[in-house]
PDB file of N, CA and C in Angstrom:
ATOM      1  N   HIS A   1      21.126  11.428  19.896  1.00  0.00           N
ATOM      2  CA  HIS A   1      20.373  10.118  18.693  1.00  0.00           C
ATOM      3  C   HIS A   1      18.878  10.368  18.461  1.00  0.00           C
ATOM      4  N   ASN A   2      18.712   9.735  17.183  1.00  0.00           N
ATOM      5  CA  ASN A   2      17.853  10.300  16.728  1.00  0.00           C
ATOM      6  C   ASN A   2      16.677   8.961  16.501  1.00  0.00           C
ATOM      7  N   ASP A   3      15.645   8.631  17.122  1.00  0.00           N
ATOM      8  CA  ASP A   3      14.846   7.663  17.303  1.00  0.00           C
ATOM      9  C   ASP A   3      13.905   8.086  16.310  1.00  0.00           C
ATOM     10  N   MET A   4      13.695   8.966  15.455  1.00  0.00           N
ATOM     11  CA  MET A   4      12.930   8.925  14.519  1.00  0.00           C
ATOM     12  C   MET A   4      12.636   8.238  13.293  1.00  0.00           C
ATOM     13  N   CYS A   5      11.660   7.602  13.282  1.00  0.00           N
ATOM     14  CA  CYS A   5      11.735   6.485  11.713  1.00  0.00           C
ATOM     15  C   CYS A   5      10.794   7.016  10.750  1.00  0.00           C
ATOM     16  N   THR A   6      11.406   7.003   9.621  1.00  0.00           N
ATOM     17  CA  THR A   6      10.539   7.055   8.399  1.00  0.00           C
ATOM     18  C   THR A   6       9.699   6.273   8.174  1.00  0.00           C
ATOM     19  N   PHE A   7       8.356   6.508   7.254  1.00  0.00           N
ATOM     20  CA  PHE A   7       7.459   5.307   7.107  1.00  0.00           C
ATOM     21  C   PHE A   7       8.401   4.278   6.251  1.00  0.00           C
ATOM     22  N   ASN A   8       9.074   4.546   5.524  1.00  0.00           N
ATOM     23  CA  ASN A   8       9.766   3.275   4.985  1.00  0.00           C
ATOM     24  C   ASN A   8      10.875   2.338   5.787  1.00  0.00           C
ATOM     25  N   ASP A   9      11.351   3.155   6.789  1.00  0.00           N
ATOM     26  CA  ASP A   9      12.124   2.331   8.054  1.00  0.00           C
ATOM     27  C   ASP A   9      10.977   1.348   8.779  1.00  0.00           C
ATOM     28  N   ILE A  10      10.050   2.008   8.920  1.00  0.00           N
ATOM     29  CA  ILE A  10       9.089   0.874   9.467  1.00  0.00           C
ATOM     30  C   ILE A  10       8.387  -0.207   8.979  1.00  0.00           C
ATOM     31  N   ILE A  11       8.171   0.138   7.354  1.00  0.00           N
ATOM     32  CA  ILE A  11       7.906  -0.802   6.398  1.00  0.00           C
ATOM     33  C   ILE A  11       9.041  -2.058   6.522  1.00  0.00           C
ATOM     34  N   ARG A  12      10.369  -1.781   6.561  1.00  0.00           N
ATOM     35  CA  ARG A  12      11.328  -2.347   6.309  1.00  0.00           C
ATOM     36  C   ARG A  12      11.603  -3.341   7.597  1.00  0.00           C
ATOM     37  N   LYS A  13      11.582  -2.464   8.689  1.00  0.00           N
ATOM     38  CA  LYS A  13      11.820  -3.135   9.954  1.00  0.00           C
ATOM     39  C   LYS A  13      10.963  -4.290  10.237  1.00  0.00           C
ATOM     40  N   ASN A  14       9.670  -4.067   9.937  1.00  0.00           N
ATOM     41  CA  ASN A  14       8.610  -5.208  10.155  1.00  0.00           C
ATOM     42  C   ASN A  14       8.191  -6.079   9.149  1.00  0.00           C
ATOM     43  N   ASN A  15       9.514  -6.006   8.112  1.00  0.00           N
ATOM     44  CA  ASN A  15       9.278  -6.823   7.148  1.00  0.00           C
ATOM     45  C   ASN A  15       7.932  -7.067   6.337  1.00  0.00           C
ATOM     46  N   LEU A  16       7.203  -5.735   6.260  1.00  0.00           N
ATOM     47  CA  LEU A  16       5.840  -5.650   5.447  1.00  0.00           C
ATOM     48  C   LEU A  16       5.949  -5.803   4.290  1.00  0.00           C
ATOM     49  N   VAL A  17       4.861  -6.576   3.600  1.00  0.00           N
ATOM     50  CA  VAL A  17       4.716  -6.419   2.025  1.00  0.00           C
ATOM     51  C   VAL A  17       3.870  -5.878   1.611  1.00  0.00           C
ATOM     52  N   GLU A  18       3.662  -5.075   0.077  1.00  0.00           N
ATOM     53  CA  GLU A  18       2.564  -4.744  -0.423  1.00  0.00           C
ATOM     54  C   GLU A  18       1.764  -5.228  -0.735  1.00  0.00           C
ATOM     55  N   LEU A  19       0.352  -5.521  -0.696  1.00  0.00           N
ATOM     56  CA  LEU A  19      -0.385  -5.843  -1.179  1.00  0.00           C
ATOM     57  C   LEU A  19      -1.054  -5.214  -2.635  1.00  0.00           C
ATOM     58  N   PRO A  20      -1.039  -5.392  -3.571  1.00  0.00           N
ATOM     59  CA  PRO A  20      -1.421  -4.728  -4.974  1.00  0.00           C
ATOM     60  C   PRO A  20      -2.696  -4.203  -4.818  1.00  0.00           C
ATOM     61  N   LEU A  21      -3.183  -3.364  -5.555  1.00  0.00           N
ATOM     62  CA  LEU A  21      -4.386  -2.601  -5.772  1.00  0.00           C
ATOM     63  C   LEU A  21      -4.772  -3.519  -6.958  1.00  0.00           C
ATOM     64  N   LYS A  22      -6.307  -4.100  -6.996  1.00  0.00           N
ATOM     65  CA  LYS A  22      -6.360  -4.871  -7.977  1.00  0.00           C
ATOM     66  C   LYS A  22      -7.286  -3.862  -8.623  1.00  0.00           C
ATOM     67  N   GLY A  23      -7.682  -3.875  -9.988  1.00  0.00           N
ATOM     68  CA  GLY A  23      -8.629  -3.327 -10.574  1.00  0.00           C
ATOM     69  C   GLY A  23      -8.567  -2.253 -11.010  1.00  0.00           C
ATOM     70  N   ARG A  24      -7.964  -1.264 -10.728  1.00  0.00           N
ATOM     71  CA  ARG A  24      -7.220  -0.046 -11.026  1.00  0.00           C
ATOM     72  C   ARG A  24      -5.945   0.509 -10.754  1.00  0.00           C
ATOM     73  N   LEU A  25      -5.547   1.527 -10.907  1.00  0.00           N
ATOM     74  CA  LEU A  25      -3.688   2.142 -10.641  1.00  0.00           C
ATOM     75  C   LEU A  25      -4.096   3.398  -9.636  1.00  0.00           C
ATOM     76  N   TYR A  26      -5.171   3.887  -9.762  1.00  0.00           N
ATOM     77  CA  TYR A  26      -5.101   4.988  -8.625  1.00  0.00           C
ATOM     78  C   TYR A  26      -6.448   4.901  -7.652  1.00  0.00           C
ATOM     79  N   THR A  27      -6.237   6.030  -6.747  1.00  0.00           N
ATOM     80  CA  THR A  27      -7.261   5.515  -5.435  1.00  0.00           C
ATOM     81  C   THR A  27      -7.972   6.690  -5.140  1.00  0.00           C
ATOM     82  N   TRP A  28      -7.549   8.049  -6.182  1.00  0.00           N
ATOM     83  CA  TRP A  28      -8.561   9.506  -6.070  1.00  0.00           C
ATOM     84  C   TRP A  28      -8.027  10.126  -7.357  1.00  0.00           C
ATOM     85  N   SER A  29      -8.641  10.890  -7.317  1.00  0.00           N
ATOM     86  CA  SER A  29      -8.963  11.773  -8.482  1.00  0.00           C
ATOM     87  C   SER A  29      -9.418  13.109  -8.092  1.00  0.00           C
ATOM     88  N   ASN A  30      -9.053  14.025  -8.723  1.00  0.00           N
ATOM     89  CA  ASN A  30      -9.779  15.614  -8.466  1.00  0.00           C
ATOM     90  C   ASN A  30     -10.946  15.689  -9.107  1.00  0.00           C
ATOM     91  N   MET A  31     -11.352  14.629 -10.281  1.00  0.00           N
ATOM     92  CA  MET A  31     -12.520  14.879 -10.909  1.00  0.00           C
ATOM     93  C   MET A  31     -12.482  16.115 -11.711  1.00  0.00           C
ATOM     94  N   GLN A  32     -11.389  16.097 -12.364  1.00  0.00           N
ATOM     95  CA  GLN A  32     -11.729  17.590 -13.305  1.00  0.00           C
ATOM     96  C   GLN A  32     -11.509  16.980 -14.394  1.00  0.00           C
ATOM     97  N   GLN A  33     -11.640  17.851 -15.778  1.00  0.00           N
ATOM     98  CA  GLN A  33     -11.869  17.375 -16.920  1.00  0.00           C
ATOM     99  C   GLN A  33     -10.608  16.829 -17.428  1.00  0.00           C
ATOM    100  N   ASN A  34      -9.569  17.326 -16.960  1.00  0.00           N
ATOM    101  CA  ASN A  34      -8.120  16.575 -17.189  1.00  0.00           C
ATOM    102  C   ASN A  34      -7.611  16.099 -15.914  1.00  0.00           C
ATOM    103  N   PRO A  35      -8.110  15.198 -15.138  1.00  0.00           N
ATOM    104  CA  PRO A  35      -7.865  14.916 -13.776  1.00  0.00           C
ATOM    105  C   PRO A  35      -6.625  14.714 -13.341  1.00  0.00           C
ATOM    106  N   LEU A  36      -6.527  14.786 -12.142  1.00  0.00           N
ATOM    107  CA  LEU A  36      -5.121  14.095 -11.553  1.00  0.00           C
ATOM    108  C   LEU A  36      -5.503  13.268 -10.527  1.00  0.00           C
ATOM    109  N   LEU A  37      -4.644  12.182 -11.025  1.00  0.00           N
ATOM    110  CA  LEU A  37      -4.879  10.670 -10.572  1.00  0.00           C
ATOM    111  C   LEU A  37      -3.664  10.165  -9.576  1.00  0.00           C
ATOM    112  N   GLU A  38      -4.346   9.774  -8.285  1.00  0.00           N
ATOM    113  CA  GLU A  38      -2.920   9.664  -7.620  1.00  0.00           C
ATOM    114  C   GLU A  38      -3.509   8.168  -6.585  1.00  0.00           C
ATOM    115  N   GLN A  39      -1.925   7.491  -6.197  1.00  0.00           N
ATOM    116  CA  GLN A  39      -2.857   6.431  -5.615  1.00  0.00           C
ATOM    117  C   GLN A  39      -2.327   7.079  -4.058  1.00  0.00           C
ATOM    118  N   LEU A  40      -3.490   7.034  -3.049  1.00  0.00           N
ATOM    119  CA  LEU A  40      -3.418   7.565  -1.732  1.00  0.00           C
ATOM    120  C   LEU A  40      -3.108   6.436  -1.067  1.00  0.00           C
ATOM    121  N   ASP A  41      -3.864   5.225  -1.138  1.00  0.00           N
ATOM    122  CA  ASP A  41      -4.352   4.461  -0.319  1.00  0.00           C
ATOM    123  C   ASP A  41      -3.098   3.132  -0.794  1.00  0.00           C
ATOM    124  N   TRP A  42      -2.396   2.763   0.491  1.00  0.00           N
ATOM    125  CA  TRP A  42      -1.323   1.749   0.344  1.00  0.00           C
ATOM    126  C   TRP A  42      -2.020   0.644   1.342  1.00  0.00           C
ATOM    127  N   PHE A  43      -1.749  -0.546   0.944  1.00  0.00           N
ATOM    128  CA  PHE A  43      -2.214  -1.898   2.076  1.00  0.00           C
ATOM    129  C   PHE A  43      -0.710  -2.955   2.077  1.00  0.00           C
ATOM    130  N   PHE A  44      -0.581  -3.164   3.298  1.00  0.00           N
ATOM    131  CA  PHE A  44       0.480  -3.574   3.533  1.00  0.00           C
ATOM    132  C   PHE A  44       0.318  -4.547   4.632  1.00  0.00           C
ATOM    133  N   THR A  45       0.729  -6.230   4.760  1.00  0.00           N
ATOM    134  CA  THR A  45       0.679  -7.084   5.405  1.00  0.00           C
ATOM    135  C   THR A  45       2.138  -7.747   5.861  1.00  0.00           C
ATOM    136  N   SER A  46       1.855  -8.699   6.776  1.00  0.00           N
ATOM    137  CA  SER A  46       3.156  -9.443   6.914  1.00  0.00           C
ATOM    138  C   SER A  46       3.708 -10.623   6.206  1.00  0.00           C
ATOM    139  N   LEU A  47       4.579 -11.330   5.870  1.00  0.00           N
ATOM    140  CA  LEU A  47       5.210 -12.232   5.313  1.00  0.00           C
ATOM    141  C   LEU A  47       4.256 -13.448   5.643  1.00  0.00           C
ATOM    142  N   HIS A  48       4.279 -13.736   6.893  1.00  0.00           N
ATOM    143  CA  HIS A  48       3.214 -14.874   7.253  1.00  0.00           C
ATOM    144  C   HIS A  48       1.788 -14.792   6.771  1.00  0.00           C
ATOM    145  N   TRP A  49       1.029 -13.392   6.957  1.00  0.00           N
ATOM    146  CA  TRP A  49      -0.019 -13.391   6.383  1.00  0.00           C
ATOM    147  C   TRP A  49      -0.547 -13.837   4.721  1.00  0.00           C
ATOM    148  N   THR A  50       0.761 -13.278   4.061  1.00  0.00           N
ATOM    149  CA  THR A  50       0.726 -13.936   2.524  1.00  0.00           C
ATOM    150  C   THR A  50       0.605 -15.346   2.745  1.00  0.00           C
ATOM    151  N   LEU A  51       1.648 -15.751   3.285  1.00  0.00           N
ATOM    152  CA  LEU A  51       1.819 -17.277   3.069  1.00  0.00           C
ATOM    153  C   LEU A  51       0.488 -17.984   3.578  1.00  0.00           C
ATOM    154  N   ALA A  52       0.094 -17.635   4.498  1.00  0.00           N
ATOM    155  CA  ALA A  52      -1.242 -18.217   5.088  1.00  0.00           C
ATOM    156  C   ALA A  52      -2.299 -17.939   4.310  1.00  0.00           C
ATOM    157  N   TYR A  53      -2.411 -17.096   3.619  1.00  0.00           N
ATOM    158  CA  TYR A  53      -3.744 -16.556   3.259  1.00  0.00           C
ATOM    159  C   TYR A  53      -3.332 -15.933   1.422  1.00  0.00           C
ATOM    160  N   PRO A  54      -2.557 -16.807   0.957  1.00  0.00           N
ATOM    161  CA  PRO A  54      -2.217 -16.083  -0.246  1.00  0.00           C
ATOM    162  C   PRO A  54      -3.107 -15.419  -1.377  1.00  0.00           C
ATOM    163  N   ASN A  55      -4.538 -15.887  -1.588  1.00  0.00           N
ATOM    164  CA  ASN A  55      -5.670 -15.138  -2.444  1.00  0.00           C
ATOM    165  C   ASN A  55      -6.028 -13.991  -1.855  1.00  0.00           C
ATOM    166  N   THR A  56      -5.511 -13.150  -0.897  1.00  0.00           N
ATOM    167  CA  THR A  56      -5.655 -12.337  -0.192  1.00  0.00           C
ATOM    168  C   THR A  56      -5.497 -10.955  -1.321  1.00  0.00           C
ATOM    169  N   LEU A  57      -6.523  -9.859  -1.670  1.00  0.00           N
ATOM    170  CA  LEU A  57      -6.269  -8.866  -2.464  1.00  0.00           C
ATOM    171  C   LEU A  57      -7.021  -7.833  -1.840  1.00  0.00           C
ATOM    172  N   VAL A  58      -6.807  -6.495  -2.809  1.00  0.00           N
ATOM    173  CA  VAL A  58      -7.049  -5.440  -2.106  1.00  0.00           C
ATOM    174  C   VAL A  58      -7.786  -5.025  -3.687  1.00  0.00           C
ATOM    175  N   LYS A  59      -8.960  -4.652  -3.490  1.00  0.00           N
ATOM    176  CA  LYS A  59     -10.113  -4.125  -4.533  1.00  0.00           C
ATOM    177  C   LYS A  59     -10.523  -2.727  -4.326  1.00  0.00           C
ATOM    178  N   PRO A  60     -10.564  -2.074  -4.916  1.00  0.00           N
ATOM    179  CA  PRO A  60     -11.142  -0.823  -4.426  1.00  0.00           C
ATOM    180  C   PRO A  60     -12.481  -0.971  -4.517  1.00  0.00           C
TER     181      PRO A  60
END
């Protein structure tokens, strides 16, 4: 029996929702002339929190 959960399994099992990043699409750059841009940081919350605090947002 495999009890190993993936990251997405944990998100799904806990009914977490993602808080979108406001103000930019990426959270990391390699700072090169032709930069590699990635979103490395993700923010999750519960539906209860989102309903209780609907103006919650994530800023870089």
